[in-house]
Amino acid sequence: MFTLAESGEMFWAIGGAIAIVAILSGTLSSILKTRSREMSRREIAAYIAEGSMTPEQGERLMRAMPEGEDD
């Protein structure tokens, strides 16, 4: 059936696939966090522009948001 060389190749193929999935998952997570943070900033700016919030309140909210937090 399988020789040792074939099982070694299978080991590297599975290991490589796991590494690729891990890298893609981390990248996607980072993109989603950044996108969410930017949408929040735009919403705060919109509230300030329509007068529902003062610029000082918006500034406090933006300072409260985590900046570039890496998990």
N, C-alpha and C. Protein backbone atom coordinates (compact mmCIF):
# COMPACT_ATOMS: atom_id res chain seq x y z
N MET A 1 0.83 -1.19 0.00
CA MET A 1 0.00 0.00 0.00
C MET A 1 0.88 1.26 0.00
N PHE A 2 0.99 1.91 1.18
CA PHE A 2 1.78 3.12 1.27
C PHE A 2 3.20 2.80 1.70
N THR A 3 4.12 3.47 1.08
CA THR A 3 5.50 3.34 1.53
C THR A 3 5.79 4.49 2.49
N LEU A 4 6.94 4.43 3.13
CA LEU A 4 7.31 5.47 4.08
C LEU A 4 7.44 6.82 3.39
N ALA A 5 7.97 6.83 2.16
CA ALA A 5 8.13 8.09 1.42
C ALA A 5 6.78 8.72 1.13
N GLU A 6 5.80 7.92 0.78
CA GLU A 6 4.48 8.46 0.49
C GLU A 6 3.82 9.03 1.75
N SER A 7 3.99 8.36 2.88
CA SER A 7 3.40 8.88 4.11
C SER A 7 4.12 10.16 4.55
N GLY A 8 5.41 10.26 4.27
CA GLY A 8 6.15 11.49 4.57
C GLY A 8 5.66 12.64 3.71
N GLU A 9 5.38 12.35 2.46
CA GLU A 9 4.84 13.38 1.58
C GLU A 9 3.45 13.82 2.06
N MET A 10 2.67 12.87 2.51
CA MET A 10 1.33 13.17 3.01
C MET A 10 1.44 14.05 4.25
N PHE A 11 2.40 13.77 5.13
CA PHE A 11 2.62 14.58 6.32
C PHE A 11 2.88 16.03 5.95
N TRP A 12 3.77 16.28 4.98
CA TRP A 12 4.10 17.64 4.58
C TRP A 12 2.93 18.32 3.88
N ALA A 13 2.16 17.56 3.10
CA ALA A 13 0.99 18.14 2.44
C ALA A 13 -0.05 18.58 3.46
N ILE A 14 -0.31 17.75 4.46
CA ILE A 14 -1.28 18.10 5.50
C ILE A 14 -0.76 19.27 6.33
N GLY A 15 0.51 19.22 6.69
CA GLY A 15 1.10 20.32 7.45
C GLY A 15 1.05 21.64 6.70
N GLY A 16 1.33 21.59 5.41
CA GLY A 16 1.26 22.79 4.58
C GLY A 16 -0.15 23.33 4.49
N ALA A 17 -1.11 22.43 4.33
CA ALA A 17 -2.51 22.86 4.25
C ALA A 17 -2.96 23.52 5.55
N ILE A 18 -2.55 22.95 6.68
CA ILE A 18 -2.90 23.54 7.98
C ILE A 18 -2.27 24.92 8.12
N ALA A 19 -1.02 25.06 7.70
CA ALA A 19 -0.34 26.37 7.78
C ALA A 19 -1.05 27.40 6.91
N ILE A 20 -1.44 27.02 5.71
CA ILE A 20 -2.12 27.96 4.81
C ILE A 20 -3.46 28.39 5.40
N VAL A 21 -4.21 27.45 5.95
CA VAL A 21 -5.51 27.78 6.56
C VAL A 21 -5.31 28.71 7.76
N ALA A 22 -4.29 28.48 8.56
CA ALA A 22 -4.02 29.33 9.72
C ALA A 22 -3.67 30.75 9.28
N ILE A 23 -2.84 30.88 8.27
CA ILE A 23 -2.45 32.20 7.77
C ILE A 23 -3.66 32.93 7.20
N LEU A 24 -4.47 32.25 6.42
CA LEU A 24 -5.66 32.88 5.84
C LEU A 24 -6.66 33.29 6.91
N SER A 25 -6.82 32.46 7.94
CA SER A 25 -7.74 32.79 9.03
C SER A 25 -7.27 34.03 9.78
N GLY A 26 -5.99 34.12 10.06
CA GLY A 26 -5.45 35.29 10.75
C GLY A 26 -5.60 36.55 9.94
N THR A 27 -5.37 36.44 8.64
CA THR A 27 -5.50 37.60 7.76
C THR A 27 -6.95 38.06 7.69
N LEU A 28 -7.87 37.13 7.54
CA LEU A 28 -9.28 37.47 7.47
C LEU A 28 -9.75 38.11 8.77
N SER A 29 -9.31 37.60 9.89
CA SER A 29 -9.66 38.16 11.18
C SER A 29 -9.18 39.61 11.29
N SER A 30 -7.96 39.85 10.87
CA SER A 30 -7.39 41.20 10.92
C SER A 30 -8.17 42.16 10.02
N ILE A 31 -8.52 41.70 8.84
CA ILE A 31 -9.29 42.54 7.90
C ILE A 31 -10.65 42.90 8.50
N LEU A 32 -11.33 41.92 9.09
CA LEU A 32 -12.65 42.17 9.66
C LEU A 32 -12.58 43.13 10.84
N LYS A 33 -11.55 43.02 11.68
CA LYS A 33 -11.40 43.94 12.81
C LYS A 33 -11.18 45.36 12.32
N THR A 34 -10.32 45.52 11.33
CA THR A 34 -10.03 46.85 10.80
C THR A 34 -11.26 47.45 10.15
N ARG A 35 -11.97 46.65 9.39
CA ARG A 35 -13.19 47.12 8.72
C ARG A 35 -14.23 47.57 9.74
N SER A 36 -14.40 46.81 10.80
CA SER A 36 -15.36 47.14 11.84
C SER A 36 -14.98 48.45 12.53
N ARG A 37 -13.70 48.61 12.83
CA ARG A 37 -13.22 49.83 13.49
C ARG A 37 -13.46 51.05 12.60
N GLU A 38 -13.19 50.93 11.31
CA GLU A 38 -13.39 52.05 10.40
C GLU A 38 -14.87 52.39 10.23
N MET A 39 -15.73 51.38 10.21
CA MET A 39 -17.17 51.65 10.12
C MET A 39 -17.65 52.40 11.36
N SER A 40 -17.12 52.05 12.52
CA SER A 40 -17.49 52.75 13.76
C SER A 40 -17.05 54.20 13.69
N ARG A 41 -15.86 54.44 13.18
CA ARG A 41 -15.37 55.81 13.04
C ARG A 41 -16.26 56.62 12.10
N ARG A 42 -16.67 56.00 11.00
CA ARG A 42 -17.54 56.70 10.05
C ARG A 42 -18.90 57.01 10.68
N GLU A 43 -19.43 56.08 11.45
CA GLU A 43 -20.72 56.31 12.11
C GLU A 43 -20.62 57.45 13.11
N ILE A 44 -19.55 57.49 13.88
CA ILE A 44 -19.34 58.58 14.83
C ILE A 44 -19.26 59.91 14.08
N ALA A 45 -18.52 59.93 12.98
CA ALA A 45 -18.40 61.16 12.18
C ALA A 45 -19.77 61.58 11.63
N ALA A 46 -20.59 60.62 11.24
CA ALA A 46 -21.92 60.95 10.72
C ALA A 46 -22.80 61.54 11.82
N TYR A 47 -22.74 60.97 13.03
CA TYR A 47 -23.51 61.52 14.14
C TYR A 47 -23.08 62.96 14.44
N ILE A 48 -21.80 63.22 14.40
CA ILE A 48 -21.29 64.57 14.65
C ILE A 48 -21.79 65.51 13.55
N ALA A 49 -21.74 65.05 12.30
CA ALA A 49 -22.15 65.89 11.17
C ALA A 49 -23.64 66.23 11.23
N GLU A 50 -24.47 65.30 11.69
CA GLU A 50 -25.91 65.58 11.74
C GLU A 50 -26.31 66.32 13.01
N GLY A 51 -25.37 66.46 13.94
CA GLY A 51 -25.63 67.22 15.15
C GLY A 51 -26.17 66.41 16.31
N SER A 52 -26.24 65.10 16.17
CA SER A 52 -26.72 64.25 17.26
C SER A 52 -25.69 64.09 18.36
N MET A 53 -24.47 64.42 18.05
CA MET A 53 -23.36 64.24 18.99
C MET A 53 -22.42 65.42 18.84
N THR A 54 -21.86 65.86 19.96
CA THR A 54 -20.89 66.95 19.88
C THR A 54 -19.53 66.38 19.46
N PRO A 55 -18.67 67.21 18.91
CA PRO A 55 -17.33 66.74 18.56
C PRO A 55 -16.56 66.21 19.77
N GLU A 56 -16.80 66.79 20.94
CA GLU A 56 -16.12 66.32 22.15
C GLU A 56 -16.56 64.91 22.51
N GLN A 57 -17.86 64.62 22.38
CA GLN A 57 -18.35 63.27 22.65
C GLN A 57 -17.76 62.27 21.65
N GLY A 58 -17.69 62.69 20.39
CA GLY A 58 -17.11 61.82 19.36
C GLY A 58 -15.65 61.54 19.63
N GLU A 59 -14.94 62.57 20.06
CA GLU A 59 -13.52 62.40 20.37
C GLU A 59 -13.34 61.41 21.53
N ARG A 60 -14.18 61.53 22.56
CA ARG A 60 -14.09 60.60 23.69
C ARG A 60 -14.38 59.17 23.25
N LEU A 61 -15.37 58.99 22.39
CA LEU A 61 -15.68 57.64 21.89
C LEU A 61 -14.52 57.07 21.09
N MET A 62 -13.91 57.89 20.24
CA MET A 62 -12.80 57.40 19.42
C MET A 62 -11.59 57.06 20.28
N ARG A 63 -11.37 57.83 21.35
CA ARG A 63 -10.25 57.52 22.24
C ARG A 63 -10.51 56.23 23.00
N ALA A 64 -11.78 55.92 23.26
CA ALA A 64 -12.13 54.71 23.99
C ALA A 64 -11.97 53.44 23.15
N MET A 65 -11.98 53.61 21.82
CA MET A 65 -11.85 52.45 20.94
C MET A 65 -10.40 51.95 20.95
N PRO A 66 -10.20 50.64 21.00
CA PRO A 66 -8.83 50.10 20.98
C PRO A 66 -8.15 50.39 19.64
N GLU A 67 -6.93 50.82 19.70
CA GLU A 67 -6.15 51.14 18.50
C GLU A 67 -5.21 50.01 18.16
N GLY A 68 -5.39 49.36 17.02
CA GLY A 68 -4.47 48.36 16.52
C GLY A 68 -4.13 47.27 17.51
N GLU A 69 -5.13 46.81 18.25
CA GLU A 69 -4.88 45.75 19.23
C GLU A 69 -4.60 44.44 18.52
N ASP A 70 -3.50 43.80 18.84
CA ASP A 70 -3.17 42.50 18.27
C ASP A 70 -3.42 41.43 19.29
N ASP A 71 -4.22 40.44 18.91
CA ASP A 71 -4.52 39.34 19.84
C ASP A 71 -3.47 38.28 19.79
